[in-house]
Amino acid sequence: MSKSTRRPQQIFTIVMWLLSIIFAGFLIGLGGLIIKDLPQVDRQITVEQFADTKALEAADNSLENQQGALLNLRRNIEDAQEDQRTAREDYQSARASFNNWIKTRNATQSSAQNPEVIARNRTIEELKQDERTAQRDVQDAQTALRNAERELSDIRSARSDIISQARPKYRAAKRAQELRVFLFRLALTLPLLLVAGWLLMIKRKSAYWPLYRGFVLFALFAFFVELVPYLPHYGGYVRYTVGIIMAMIAGHFIIRSMRRYMERKKTEEARSESERRQSIEYETALKKIAAKTCPGCDRSIIQRDGVDTDFCVHCGIRLQEKCGSCGNRNISFHKFCLSCGVASPEPASGP
């Protein structure tokens, strides 16, 4: 069975849903910017703000001076190591030259060169002593660096103790700040949720419902999604409590609506078939019949093989009837015959 809704109406419904989603998207974007900017209403706090100012300042100065001293010591070690390398190379070069010269002397057996041997040995010994001195300088610089690093570690430990003493006050101030910012955010999102609930209950039949629906989507997103990353550890209680209250309110209205619906159906079923048919909208009737549902009582249409389902077995409303012109069976709510196009004698009222 073909759908009874007109094509422009179907397109209009899709477009209105897109409009709702787009409108909600812009509202969500704006709300996200506002929520992200809300922490700026309170100053950023650090643990250093709650420490002993003088002690912390003295520790920071000592730390800075010691780090500068360490930098100088490391440079001194580099210079001493370079001097040691130079002295070693000078000694090794002089030693190699002396060894070559000794070989030449042994070949000539010149005794006149003995004083020169002594002088060259003295020079080599002086170079070796320079190398030992440079090595001791490197070792002294390394020892000074280790001592400075231990002193730096002690300064850092003292500073850490000062910070540790300030942490209880910092945590208390941080919790107070989180509570203030959370209450700001909650004060923004909770009224949106309340307005969305009011729109959902009151404005569903409004011609501007697609825009209201977009606002409802935005409010739900803002409260249950956008607010979540900013919740402190106790914020979950607020979110779940609000969710429970909303579920209870929704349940209350749903139950009341269902009771009113059942009472309305009982009243309708007590009326004549003609009156009931006149109260059913044309497109609503066709949609329900296409879904195998009686448009009069909303119960399932019972069908049996070989038996024409002309009436609802629950409320007795006519579902199908024969055309008075051609005898073809049509849905009783059709305004014209499917076969011959003759108007039905009792068309259903509605748009």
C-alpha atoms as a PDB file:
ATOM      1  CA  MET A   1       0.000   0.000   0.000  1.00  0.00           C
ATOM      2  CA  SER A   2       1.392   3.368  -0.983  1.00  0.00           C
ATOM      3  CA  LYS A   3       2.086   6.052   1.603  1.00  0.00           C
ATOM      4  CA  SER A   4      -0.705   8.570   2.030  1.00  0.00           C
ATOM      5  CA  THR A   5       1.502  11.540   2.931  1.00  0.00           C
ATOM      6  CA  ARG A   6       2.064  13.985   0.098  1.00  0.00           C
ATOM      7  CA  ARG A   7       5.592  14.232  -1.267  1.00  0.00           C
ATOM      8  CA  PRO A   8       5.968  17.943  -0.307  1.00  0.00           C
ATOM      9  CA  GLN A   9       4.937  17.012   3.239  1.00  0.00           C
ATOM     10  CA  GLN A  10       7.604  14.305   3.381  1.00  0.00           C
ATOM     11  CA  ILE A  11      10.222  16.725   2.084  1.00  0.00           C
ATOM     12  CA  PHE A  12       8.993  19.358   4.529  1.00  0.00           C
ATOM     13  CA  THR A  13       9.369  16.901   7.445  1.00  0.00           C
ATOM     14  CA  ILE A  14      12.941  16.023   6.423  1.00  0.00           C
ATOM     15  CA  VAL A  15      13.859  19.673   5.936  1.00  0.00           C
ATOM     16  CA  MET A  16      12.421  20.587   9.326  1.00  0.00           C
ATOM     17  CA  TRP A  17      14.475  17.860  10.996  1.00  0.00           C
ATOM     18  CA  LEU A  18      17.586  19.154   9.240  1.00  0.00           C
ATOM     19  CA  LEU A  19      16.698  22.663  10.372  1.00  0.00           C
ATOM     20  CA  SER A  20      16.344  21.426  13.960  1.00  0.00           C
ATOM     21  CA  ILE A  21      19.727  19.709  13.829  1.00  0.00           C
ATOM     22  CA  ILE A  22      21.453  22.687  12.209  1.00  0.00           C
ATOM     23  CA  PHE A  23      19.879  25.109  14.674  1.00  0.00           C
ATOM     24  CA  ALA A  24      20.930  22.839  17.559  1.00  0.00           C
ATOM     25  CA  GLY A  25      24.445  22.664  16.101  1.00  0.00           C
ATOM     26  CA  PHE A  26      24.838  26.436  16.081  1.00  0.00           C
ATOM     27  CA  LEU A  27      23.463  26.671  19.617  1.00  0.00           C
ATOM     28  CA  ILE A  28      25.828  23.901  20.749  1.00  0.00           C
ATOM     29  CA  GLY A  29      28.769  25.740  19.187  1.00  0.00           C
ATOM     30  CA  LEU A  30      27.830  28.994  20.900  1.00  0.00           C
ATOM     31  CA  GLY A  31      27.176  27.239  24.197  1.00  0.00           C
ATOM     32  CA  GLY A  32      30.500  25.422  23.968  1.00  0.00           C
ATOM     33  CA  LEU A  33      32.359  28.705  23.574  1.00  0.00           C
ATOM     34  CA  ILE A  34      30.523  30.219  26.536  1.00  0.00           C
ATOM     35  CA  ILE A  35      31.174  27.194  28.744  1.00  0.00           C
ATOM     36  CA  LYS A  36      34.869  27.117  27.805  1.00  0.00           C
ATOM     37  CA  ASP A  37      35.205  30.794  28.670  1.00  0.00           C
ATOM     38  CA  LEU A  38      33.493  30.417  32.034  1.00  0.00           C
ATOM     39  CA  PRO A  39      36.662  29.330  33.914  1.00  0.00           C
ATOM     40  CA  GLN A  40      38.072  32.776  33.148  1.00  0.00           C
ATOM     41  CA  VAL A  41      35.693  34.289  35.708  1.00  0.00           C
ATOM     42  CA  ASP A  42      37.966  32.896  38.404  1.00  0.00           C
ATOM     43  CA  ARG A  43      41.714  33.363  38.589  1.00  0.00           C
ATOM     44  CA  GLN A  44      44.012  30.426  38.023  1.00  0.00           C
ATOM     45  CA  ILE A  45      45.617  29.247  41.264  1.00  0.00           C
ATOM     46  CA  THR A  46      48.893  27.405  41.847  1.00  0.00           C
ATOM     47  CA  VAL A  47      50.285  25.607  44.855  1.00  0.00           C
ATOM     48  CA  GLU A  48      53.123  28.163  45.089  1.00  0.00           C
ATOM     49  CA  GLN A  49      50.566  30.857  46.009  1.00  0.00           C
ATOM     50  CA  PHE A  50      49.923  29.102  49.344  1.00  0.00           C
ATOM     51  CA  ALA A  51      53.566  28.439  50.301  1.00  0.00           C
ATOM     52  CA  ASP A  52      55.766  30.468  52.676  1.00  0.00           C
ATOM     53  CA  THR A  53      56.670  33.323  50.337  1.00  0.00           C
ATOM     54  CA  LYS A  54      60.023  34.216  51.905  1.00  0.00           C
ATOM     55  CA  ALA A  55      61.176  30.607  52.278  1.00  0.00           C
ATOM     56  CA  LEU A  56      60.083  29.751  48.754  1.00  0.00           C
ATOM     57  CA  GLU A  57      61.748  32.849  47.318  1.00  0.00           C
ATOM     58  CA  ALA A  58      64.994  32.031  49.155  1.00  0.00           C
ATOM     59  CA  ALA A  59      64.861  28.445  47.879  1.00  0.00           C
ATOM     60  CA  ASP A  60      64.227  29.620  44.313  1.00  0.00           C
ATOM     61  CA  ASN A  61      67.159  32.059  44.511  1.00  0.00           C
ATOM     62  CA  SER A  62      69.434  29.369  45.890  1.00  0.00           C
ATOM     63  CA  LEU A  63      68.226  26.996  43.212  1.00  0.00           C
ATOM     64  CA  GLU A  64      68.923  29.537  40.478  1.00  0.00           C
ATOM     65  CA  ASN A  65      72.397  30.364  41.858  1.00  0.00           C
ATOM     66  CA  GLN A  66      73.291  26.713  42.237  1.00  0.00           C
ATOM     67  CA  GLN A  67      72.158  25.927  38.707  1.00  0.00           C
ATOM     68  CA  GLY A  68      74.387  28.768  37.471  1.00  0.00           C
ATOM     69  CA  ALA A  69      77.296  27.380  39.495  1.00  0.00           C
ATOM     70  CA  LEU A  70      76.711  23.940  38.015  1.00  0.00           C
ATOM     71  CA  LEU A  71      76.806  25.390  34.531  1.00  0.00           C
ATOM     72  CA  ASN A  72      80.168  27.065  35.284  1.00  0.00           C
ATOM     73  CA  LEU A  73      81.555  23.864  36.790  1.00  0.00           C
ATOM     74  CA  ARG A  74      80.580  21.860  33.733  1.00  0.00           C
ATOM     75  CA  ARG A  75      82.331  24.422  31.544  1.00  0.00           C
ATOM     76  CA  ASN A  76      85.409  24.222  33.799  1.00  0.00           C
ATOM     77  CA  ILE A  77      85.421  20.442  33.401  1.00  0.00           C
ATOM     78  CA  GLU A  78      85.258  20.824  29.635  1.00  0.00           C
ATOM     79  CA  ASP A  79      88.191  23.269  29.707  1.00  0.00           C
ATOM     80  CA  ALA A  80      90.216  21.018  32.043  1.00  0.00           C
ATOM     81  CA  GLN A  81      89.564  17.989  29.875  1.00  0.00           C
ATOM     82  CA  GLU A  82      90.692  19.958  26.823  1.00  0.00           C
ATOM     83  CA  ASP A  83      93.902  20.988  28.672  1.00  0.00           C
ATOM     84  CA  GLN A  84      94.451  17.350  29.686  1.00  0.00           C
ATOM     85  CA  ARG A  85      94.005  16.236  26.096  1.00  0.00           C
ATOM     86  CA  THR A  86      96.494  18.846  24.893  1.00  0.00           C
ATOM     87  CA  ALA A  87      99.062  17.904  27.542  1.00  0.00           C
ATOM     88  CA  ARG A  88      98.709  14.221  26.695  1.00  0.00           C
ATOM     89  CA  GLU A  89      99.178  14.881  23.006  1.00  0.00           C
ATOM     90  CA  ASP A  90     102.228  17.092  23.694  1.00  0.00           C
ATOM     91  CA  TYR A  91     103.788  14.408  25.878  1.00  0.00           C
ATOM     92  CA  GLN A  92     103.074  11.614  23.410  1.00  0.00           C
ATOM     93  CA  SER A  93     104.488  13.702  20.536  1.00  0.00           C
ATOM     94  CA  ALA A  94     107.652  14.558  22.491  1.00  0.00           C
ATOM     95  CA  ARG A  95     108.052  10.952  23.578  1.00  0.00           C
ATOM     96  CA  ALA A  96     107.765   9.666  20.014  1.00  0.00           C
ATOM     97  CA  SER A  97     110.262  12.265  18.807  1.00  0.00           C
ATOM     98  CA  PHE A  98     112.687  11.305  21.579  1.00  0.00           C
ATOM     99  CA  ASN A  99     112.418   7.593  20.758  1.00  0.00           C
ATOM    100  CA  ASN A 100     113.195   8.289  17.111  1.00  0.00           C
ATOM    101  CA  TRP A 101     116.127  10.462  18.116  1.00  0.00           C
ATOM    102  CA  ILE A 102     117.508   7.725  20.425  1.00  0.00           C
ATOM    103  CA  LYS A 103     117.470   5.241  17.562  1.00  0.00           C
ATOM    104  CA  THR A 104     119.484   7.666  15.460  1.00  0.00           C
ATOM    105  CA  ARG A 105     121.950   8.246  18.320  1.00  0.00           C
ATOM    106  CA  ASN A 106     122.486   4.516  18.792  1.00  0.00           C
ATOM    107  CA  ALA A 107     123.335   4.272  15.112  1.00  0.00           C
ATOM    108  CA  THR A 108     125.981   7.032  15.214  1.00  0.00           C
ATOM    109  CA  GLN A 109     127.321   6.226  18.724  1.00  0.00           C
ATOM    110  CA  SER A 110     128.101   9.856  19.307  1.00  0.00           C
ATOM    111  CA  SER A 111     129.054  10.477  22.960  1.00  0.00           C
ATOM    112  CA  ALA A 112     128.962  14.185  22.390  1.00  0.00           C
ATOM    113  CA  GLN A 113     125.213  14.024  22.419  1.00  0.00           C
ATOM    114  CA  ASN A 114     124.875  12.857  26.066  1.00  0.00           C
ATOM    115  CA  PRO A 115     124.040  16.330  27.424  1.00  0.00           C
ATOM    116  CA  GLU A 116     121.300  16.622  24.804  1.00  0.00           C
ATOM    117  CA  VAL A 117     119.863  13.274  25.928  1.00  0.00           C
ATOM    118  CA  ILE A 118     119.633  14.582  29.436  1.00  0.00           C
ATOM    119  CA  ALA A 119     117.968  17.806  28.282  1.00  0.00           C
ATOM    120  CA  ARG A 120     115.435  15.965  26.180  1.00  0.00           C
ATOM    121  CA  ASN A 121     114.602  13.620  29.061  1.00  0.00           C
ATOM    122  CA  ARG A 122     114.040  16.622  31.281  1.00  0.00           C
ATOM    123  CA  THR A 123     111.648  18.171  28.752  1.00  0.00           C
ATOM    124  CA  ILE A 124     109.689  14.926  28.460  1.00  0.00           C
ATOM    125  CA  GLU A 125     109.410  14.682  32.245  1.00  0.00           C
ATOM    126  CA  GLU A 126     108.090  18.245  32.392  1.00  0.00           C
ATOM    127  CA  LEU A 127     105.460  17.430  29.761  1.00  0.00           C
ATOM    128  CA  LYS A 128     104.451  14.309  31.708  1.00  0.00           C
ATOM    129  CA  GLN A 129     104.129  16.411  34.845  1.00  0.00           C
ATOM    130  CA  ASP A 130     101.929  18.875  32.934  1.00  0.00           C
ATOM    131  CA  GLU A 131      99.712  15.953  31.898  1.00  0.00           C
ATOM    132  CA  ARG A 132      99.442  14.760  35.526  1.00  0.00           C
ATOM    133  CA  THR A 133      98.580  18.293  36.631  1.00  0.00           C
ATOM    134  CA  ALA A 134      95.860  18.586  33.970  1.00  0.00           C
ATOM    135  CA  GLN A 135      94.441  15.213  35.047  1.00  0.00           C
ATOM    136  CA  ARG A 136      94.313  16.374  38.688  1.00  0.00           C
ATOM    137  CA  ASP A 137      92.522  19.549  37.563  1.00  0.00           C
ATOM    138  CA  VAL A 138      89.897  17.431  35.789  1.00  0.00           C
ATOM    139  CA  GLN A 139      89.435  15.263  38.878  1.00  0.00           C
ATOM    140  CA  ASP A 140      89.132  18.311  41.144  1.00  0.00           C
ATOM    141  CA  ALA A 141      86.530  19.867  38.805  1.00  0.00           C
ATOM    142  CA  GLN A 142      84.548  16.628  38.718  1.00  0.00           C
ATOM    143  CA  THR A 143      84.609  16.439  42.523  1.00  0.00           C
ATOM    144  CA  ALA A 144      83.400  20.026  42.764  1.00  0.00           C
ATOM    145  CA  LEU A 145      80.613  19.207  40.286  1.00  0.00           C
ATOM    146  CA  ARG A 146      79.452  16.210  42.351  1.00  0.00           C
ATOM    147  CA  ASN A 147      79.386  18.315  45.503  1.00  0.00           C
ATOM    148  CA  ALA A 148      77.435  21.049  43.708  1.00  0.00           C
ATOM    149  CA  GLU A 149      74.933  18.497  42.389  1.00  0.00           C
ATOM    150  CA  ARG A 150      74.386  17.137  45.920  1.00  0.00           C
ATOM    151  CA  GLU A 151      73.838  20.678  47.160  1.00  0.00           C
ATOM    152  CA  LEU A 152      71.387  21.287  44.316  1.00  0.00           C
ATOM    153  CA  SER A 153      69.519  18.102  45.267  1.00  0.00           C
ATOM    154  CA  ASP A 154      69.314  19.326  48.880  1.00  0.00           C
ATOM    155  CA  ILE A 155      67.940  22.690  47.734  1.00  0.00           C
ATOM    156  CA  ARG A 156      65.311  20.978  45.582  1.00  0.00           C
ATOM    157  CA  SER A 157      64.344  18.720  48.474  1.00  0.00           C
ATOM    158  CA  ALA A 158      63.948  21.744  50.753  1.00  0.00           C
ATOM    159  CA  ARG A 159      61.820  23.486  48.122  1.00  0.00           C
ATOM    160  CA  SER A 160      59.710  20.356  47.731  1.00  0.00           C
ATOM    161  CA  ASP A 161      59.106  20.331  51.498  1.00  0.00           C
ATOM    162  CA  ILE A 162      57.908  23.942  51.333  1.00  0.00           C
ATOM    163  CA  ILE A 163      55.517  23.046  48.489  1.00  0.00           C
ATOM    164  CA  SER A 164      54.271  19.954  50.352  1.00  0.00           C
ATOM    165  CA  GLN A 165      53.350  22.075  53.355  1.00  0.00           C
ATOM    166  CA  ALA A 166      51.280  24.321  51.064  1.00  0.00           C
ATOM    167  CA  ARG A 167      49.369  21.509  49.330  1.00  0.00           C
ATOM    168  CA  PRO A 168      46.521  21.155  51.901  1.00  0.00           C
ATOM    169  CA  LYS A 169      45.620  24.845  51.532  1.00  0.00           C
ATOM    170  CA  TYR A 170      45.997  24.584  47.763  1.00  0.00           C
ATOM    171  CA  ARG A 171      43.656  21.576  47.557  1.00  0.00           C
ATOM    172  CA  ALA A 172      41.037  23.337  49.671  1.00  0.00           C
ATOM    173  CA  ALA A 173      41.224  26.443  47.486  1.00  0.00           C
ATOM    174  CA  LYS A 174      41.117  24.302  44.340  1.00  0.00           C
ATOM    175  CA  ARG A 175      37.964  22.527  45.540  1.00  0.00           C
ATOM    176  CA  ALA A 176      36.349  25.870  46.340  1.00  0.00           C
ATOM    177  CA  GLN A 177      37.274  27.180  42.894  1.00  0.00           C
ATOM    178  CA  GLU A 178      35.909  24.041  41.194  1.00  0.00           C
ATOM    179  CA  LEU A 179      32.662  24.442  43.111  1.00  0.00           C
ATOM    180  CA  ARG A 180      32.297  28.082  42.070  1.00  0.00           C
ATOM    181  CA  VAL A 181      33.020  27.374  38.413  1.00  0.00           C
ATOM    182  CA  PHE A 182      30.767  24.307  38.446  1.00  0.00           C
ATOM    183  CA  LEU A 183      27.911  26.325  39.927  1.00  0.00           C
ATOM    184  CA  PHE A 184      28.412  28.955  37.195  1.00  0.00           C
ATOM    185  CA  ARG A 185      28.180  26.260  34.528  1.00  0.00           C
ATOM    186  CA  LEU A 186      25.245  24.575  36.230  1.00  0.00           C
ATOM    187  CA  ALA A 187      23.441  27.904  36.519  1.00  0.00           C
ATOM    188  CA  LEU A 188      23.789  28.220  32.749  1.00  0.00           C
ATOM    189  CA  THR A 189      22.853  24.695  31.648  1.00  0.00           C
ATOM    190  CA  LEU A 190      20.122  23.796  34.160  1.00  0.00           C
ATOM    191  CA  PRO A 191      17.745  26.630  33.142  1.00  0.00           C
ATOM    192  CA  LEU A 192      18.259  25.588  29.522  1.00  0.00           C
ATOM    193  CA  LEU A 193      17.157  22.094  30.469  1.00  0.00           C
ATOM    194  CA  LEU A 194      14.083  23.413  32.284  1.00  0.00           C
ATOM    195  CA  VAL A 195      13.121  25.603  29.318  1.00  0.00           C
ATOM    196  CA  ALA A 196      13.608  22.598  27.021  1.00  0.00           C
ATOM    197  CA  GLY A 197      11.263  20.541  29.198  1.00  0.00           C
ATOM    198  CA  TRP A 198       8.646  23.285  29.097  1.00  0.00           C
ATOM    199  CA  LEU A 199       8.915  23.508  25.300  1.00  0.00           C
ATOM    200  CA  LEU A 200       8.649  19.745  25.014  1.00  0.00           C
ATOM    201  CA  MET A 201       5.427  19.690  27.009  1.00  0.00           C
ATOM    202  CA  ILE A 202       3.743  22.879  25.772  1.00  0.00           C
ATOM    203  CA  LYS A 203       5.006  23.707  22.282  1.00  0.00           C
ATOM    204  CA  ARG A 204       4.989  20.373  20.481  1.00  0.00           C
ATOM    205  CA  LYS A 205       1.957  21.395  18.415  1.00  0.00           C
ATOM    206  CA  SER A 206       3.377  24.814  17.568  1.00  0.00           C
ATOM    207  CA  ALA A 207       4.138  25.744  13.972  1.00  0.00           C
ATOM    208  CA  TYR A 208       7.647  26.657  15.161  1.00  0.00           C
ATOM    209  CA  TRP A 209       8.225  23.289  16.801  1.00  0.00           C
ATOM    210  CA  PRO A 210      11.263  22.467  14.547  1.00  0.00           C
ATOM    211  CA  LEU A 211      13.124  25.434  16.074  1.00  0.00           C
ATOM    212  CA  TYR A 212      11.943  24.545  19.558  1.00  0.00           C
ATOM    213  CA  ARG A 213      13.046  20.966  18.916  1.00  0.00           C
ATOM    214  CA  GLY A 214      16.491  22.244  17.971  1.00  0.00           C
ATOM    215  CA  PHE A 215      16.645  24.124  21.260  1.00  0.00           C
ATOM    216  CA  VAL A 216      15.618  20.964  23.128  1.00  0.00           C
ATOM    217  CA  LEU A 217      18.424  19.005  21.450  1.00  0.00           C
ATOM    218  CA  PHE A 218      20.880  21.765  22.345  1.00  0.00           C
ATOM    219  CA  ALA A 219      19.774  21.849  25.997  1.00  0.00           C
ATOM    220  CA  LEU A 220      20.066  18.071  26.349  1.00  0.00           C
ATOM    221  CA  PHE A 221      23.512  18.106  24.777  1.00  0.00           C
ATOM    222  CA  ALA A 222      24.679  21.054  26.881  1.00  0.00           C
ATOM    223  CA  PHE A 223      23.646  19.480  30.172  1.00  0.00           C
ATOM    224  CA  PHE A 224      24.392  15.780  29.675  1.00  0.00           C
ATOM    225  CA  VAL A 225      27.383  16.026  27.299  1.00  0.00           C
ATOM    226  CA  GLU A 226      28.948  19.490  27.367  1.00  0.00           C
ATOM    227  CA  LEU A 227      28.836  19.762  31.148  1.00  0.00           C
ATOM    228  CA  VAL A 228      30.464  16.350  31.747  1.00  0.00           C
ATOM    229  CA  PRO A 229      34.132  17.298  31.114  1.00  0.00           C
ATOM    230  CA  TYR A 230      33.854  20.141  33.637  1.00  0.00           C
ATOM    231  CA  LEU A 231      32.217  18.184  36.421  1.00  0.00           C
ATOM    232  CA  PRO A 232      34.235  17.900  39.640  1.00  0.00           C
ATOM    233  CA  HIS A 233      34.293  14.522  41.363  1.00  0.00           C
ATOM    234  CA  TYR A 234      30.997  15.309  43.104  1.00  0.00           C
ATOM    235  CA  GLY A 235      29.356  16.643  39.948  1.00  0.00           C
ATOM    236  CA  GLY A 236      28.199  13.200  38.915  1.00  0.00           C
ATOM    237  CA  TYR A 237      25.719  13.243  41.804  1.00  0.00           C
ATOM    238  CA  VAL A 238      24.151  16.381  40.350  1.00  0.00           C
ATOM    239  CA  ARG A 239      23.971  14.966  36.838  1.00  0.00           C
ATOM    240  CA  TYR A 240      22.459  11.636  37.901  1.00  0.00           C
ATOM    241  CA  THR A 241      20.083  13.310  40.364  1.00  0.00           C
ATOM    242  CA  VAL A 242      18.795  15.628  37.643  1.00  0.00           C
ATOM    243  CA  GLY A 243      18.478  12.633  35.321  1.00  0.00           C
ATOM    244  CA  ILE A 244      16.426  10.741  37.921  1.00  0.00           C
ATOM    245  CA  ILE A 245      14.167  13.753  38.503  1.00  0.00           C
ATOM    246  CA  MET A 246      13.669  14.188  34.757  1.00  0.00           C
ATOM    247  CA  ALA A 247      12.860  10.490  34.388  1.00  0.00           C
ATOM    248  CA  MET A 248      10.304  10.711  37.200  1.00  0.00           C
ATOM    249  CA  ILE A 249       8.700  13.834  35.696  1.00  0.00           C
ATOM    250  CA  ALA A 250       8.628  12.254  32.248  1.00  0.00           C
ATOM    251  CA  GLY A 251       7.151   9.057  33.697  1.00  0.00           C
ATOM    252  CA  HIS A 252       4.476  11.047  35.499  1.00  0.00           C
ATOM    253  CA  PHE A 253       3.387  12.859  32.344  1.00  0.00           C
ATOM    254  CA  ILE A 254       3.588   9.725  30.207  1.00  0.00           C
ATOM    255  CA  ILE A 255       1.385   7.801  32.639  1.00  0.00           C
ATOM    256  CA  ARG A 256      -1.118  10.663  32.766  1.00  0.00           C
ATOM    257  CA  SER A 257      -1.107  10.913  28.978  1.00  0.00           C
ATOM    258  CA  MET A 258      -1.703   7.192  28.630  1.00  0.00           C
ATOM    259  CA  ARG A 259      -4.605   7.321  31.089  1.00  0.00           C
ATOM    260  CA  ARG A 260      -6.163  10.218  29.213  1.00  0.00           C
ATOM    261  CA  TYR A 261      -5.646   8.326  25.970  1.00  0.00           C
ATOM    262  CA  MET A 262      -7.356   5.210  27.318  1.00  0.00           C
ATOM    263  CA  GLU A 263     -10.273   7.246  28.671  1.00  0.00           C
ATOM    264  CA  ARG A 264     -10.573   9.090  25.338  1.00  0.00           C
ATOM    265  CA  LYS A 265     -10.600   5.796  23.439  1.00  0.00           C
ATOM    266  CA  LYS A 266     -13.311   4.379  25.694  1.00  0.00           C
ATOM    267  CA  THR A 267     -15.387   7.488  25.099  1.00  0.00           C
ATOM    268  CA  GLU A 268     -14.809   7.310  21.346  1.00  0.00           C
ATOM    269  CA  GLU A 269     -15.721   3.621  21.160  1.00  0.00           C
ATOM    270  CA  ALA A 270     -19.028   4.420  22.816  1.00  0.00           C
ATOM    271  CA  ARG A 271     -19.922   6.782  19.956  1.00  0.00           C
ATOM    272  CA  SER A 272     -21.471   5.738  16.667  1.00  0.00           C
ATOM    273  CA  GLU A 273     -19.281   4.574  13.806  1.00  0.00           C
ATOM    274  CA  SER A 274     -20.134   7.605  11.710  1.00  0.00           C
ATOM    275  CA  GLU A 275     -19.060   9.980  14.449  1.00  0.00           C
ATOM    276  CA  ARG A 276     -15.862   8.032  15.049  1.00  0.00           C
ATOM    277  CA  ARG A 277     -15.016   8.017  11.348  1.00  0.00           C
ATOM    278  CA  GLN A 278     -15.554  11.774  11.130  1.00  0.00           C
ATOM    279  CA  SER A 279     -13.093  12.310  14.026  1.00  0.00           C
ATOM    280  CA  ILE A 280     -10.250  10.401  12.321  1.00  0.00           C
ATOM    281  CA  GLU A 281      -8.013  12.358   9.982  1.00  0.00           C
ATOM    282  CA  TYR A 282      -7.708  10.982   6.489  1.00  0.00           C
ATOM    283  CA  GLU A 283      -3.935  10.567   6.348  1.00  0.00           C
ATOM    284  CA  THR A 284      -3.790   9.240   9.894  1.00  0.00           C
ATOM    285  CA  ALA A 285      -6.302   6.550   8.997  1.00  0.00           C
ATOM    286  CA  LEU A 286      -4.371   5.468   5.907  1.00  0.00           C
ATOM    287  CA  LYS A 287      -1.071   5.360   7.786  1.00  0.00           C
ATOM    288  CA  LYS A 288      -2.505   3.175  10.530  1.00  0.00           C
ATOM    289  CA  ILE A 289      -4.202   0.787   8.108  1.00  0.00           C
ATOM    290  CA  ALA A 290      -0.926   0.488   6.162  1.00  0.00           C
ATOM    291  CA  ALA A 291       0.708  -0.449   9.472  1.00  0.00           C
ATOM    292  CA  LYS A 292      -1.996  -3.125  10.083  1.00  0.00           C
ATOM    293  CA  THR A 293      -3.460  -1.038  12.914  1.00  0.00           C
ATOM    294  CA  CYS A 294      -7.090  -0.089  13.354  1.00  0.00           C
ATOM    295  CA  PRO A 295      -7.494   3.715  13.066  1.00  0.00           C
ATOM    296  CA  GLY A 296     -10.424   3.593  15.467  1.00  0.00           C
ATOM    297  CA  CYS A 297      -8.978   1.728  18.480  1.00  0.00           C
ATOM    298  CA  ASP A 298      -5.254   1.443  17.619  1.00  0.00           C
ATOM    299  CA  ARG A 299      -5.312  -2.349  18.042  1.00  0.00           C
ATOM    300  CA  SER A 300      -3.817  -4.757  15.520  1.00  0.00           C
ATOM    301  CA  ILE A 301      -6.058  -5.662  12.596  1.00  0.00           C
ATOM    302  CA  ILE A 302      -6.813  -9.380  12.765  1.00  0.00           C
ATOM    303  CA  GLN A 303      -6.709 -11.162   9.419  1.00  0.00           C
ATOM    304  CA  ARG A 304      -7.608 -14.738   8.478  1.00  0.00           C
ATOM    305  CA  ASP A 305      -6.934 -16.609   5.278  1.00  0.00           C
ATOM    306  CA  GLY A 306      -9.974 -16.608   2.997  1.00  0.00           C
ATOM    307  CA  VAL A 307     -11.843 -14.021   5.067  1.00  0.00           C
ATOM    308  CA  ASP A 308     -12.061 -10.377   3.987  1.00  0.00           C
ATOM    309  CA  THR A 309     -11.177  -8.023   6.836  1.00  0.00           C
ATOM    310  CA  ASP A 310     -13.940  -5.472   6.361  1.00  0.00           C
ATOM    311  CA  PHE A 311     -14.410  -4.566  10.038  1.00  0.00           C
ATOM    312  CA  CYS A 312     -12.231  -4.290  13.136  1.00  0.00           C
ATOM    313  CA  VAL A 313     -13.082  -7.158  15.478  1.00  0.00           C
ATOM    314  CA  HIS A 314     -12.287  -4.962  18.497  1.00  0.00           C
ATOM    315  CA  CYS A 315     -14.262  -1.757  17.897  1.00  0.00           C
ATOM    316  CA  GLY A 316     -16.408  -2.640  14.836  1.00  0.00           C
ATOM    317  CA  ILE A 317     -15.280   0.270  12.637  1.00  0.00           C
ATOM    318  CA  ARG A 318     -15.490  -0.383   8.872  1.00  0.00           C
ATOM    319  CA  LEU A 319     -12.061  -0.868   7.292  1.00  0.00           C
ATOM    320  CA  GLN A 320     -12.943  -1.903   3.719  1.00  0.00           C
ATOM    321  CA  GLU A 321     -16.040  -1.678   1.545  1.00  0.00           C
ATOM    322  CA  LYS A 322     -17.144  -2.333  -2.015  1.00  0.00           C
ATOM    323  CA  CYS A 323     -17.399   0.478  -4.533  1.00  0.00           C
ATOM    324  CA  GLY A 324     -21.053   1.141  -5.424  1.00  0.00           C
ATOM    325  CA  SER A 325     -20.065   1.701  -9.063  1.00  0.00           C
ATOM    326  CA  CYS A 326     -17.644  -1.090 -10.010  1.00  0.00           C
ATOM    327  CA  GLY A 327     -17.847  -3.405  -6.995  1.00  0.00           C
ATOM    328  CA  ASN A 328     -14.104  -3.278  -6.285  1.00  0.00           C
ATOM    329  CA  ARG A 329     -13.104  -3.428  -2.612  1.00  0.00           C
ATOM    330  CA  ASN A 330     -11.425  -0.269  -1.293  1.00  0.00           C
ATOM    331  CA  ILE A 331     -10.250   0.985   2.049  1.00  0.00           C
ATOM    332  CA  SER A 332     -13.312   2.600   3.535  1.00  0.00           C
ATOM    333  CA  PHE A 333     -11.429   5.828   4.199  1.00  0.00           C
ATOM    334  CA  HIS A 334     -10.484   6.314   0.538  1.00  0.00           C
ATOM    335  CA  LYS A 335     -12.183   9.306  -1.003  1.00  0.00           C
ATOM    336  CA  PHE A 336     -12.244   7.743  -4.465  1.00  0.00           C
ATOM    337  CA  CYS A 337     -12.370   4.228  -5.852  1.00  0.00           C
ATOM    338  CA  LEU A 338      -9.034   2.697  -6.854  1.00  0.00           C
ATOM    339  CA  SER A 339     -10.557   1.147 -10.003  1.00  0.00           C
ATOM    340  CA  CYS A 340     -13.144   3.561 -11.389  1.00  0.00           C
ATOM    341  CA  GLY A 341     -12.386   6.824  -9.571  1.00  0.00           C
ATOM    342  CA  VAL A 342     -15.937   7.340  -8.387  1.00  0.00           C
ATOM    343  CA  ALA A 343     -16.182   9.311  -5.147  1.00  0.00           C
ATOM    344  CA  SER A 344     -16.973   7.275  -2.058  1.00  0.00           C
ATOM    345  CA  PRO A 345     -20.405   7.920  -0.582  1.00  0.00           C
ATOM    346  CA  GLU A 346     -19.074   8.707   2.909  1.00  0.00           C
ATOM    347  CA  PRO A 347     -15.547  10.123   2.652  1.00  0.00           C
ATOM    348  CA  ALA A 348     -13.658  10.624   5.897  1.00  0.00           C
ATOM    349  CA  SER A 349     -13.214  14.208   6.968  1.00  0.00           C
ATOM    350  CA  GLY A 350      -9.814  15.713   7.539  1.00  0.00           C
ATOM    351  CA  PRO A 351      -7.140  17.636   5.648  1.00  0.00           C
END
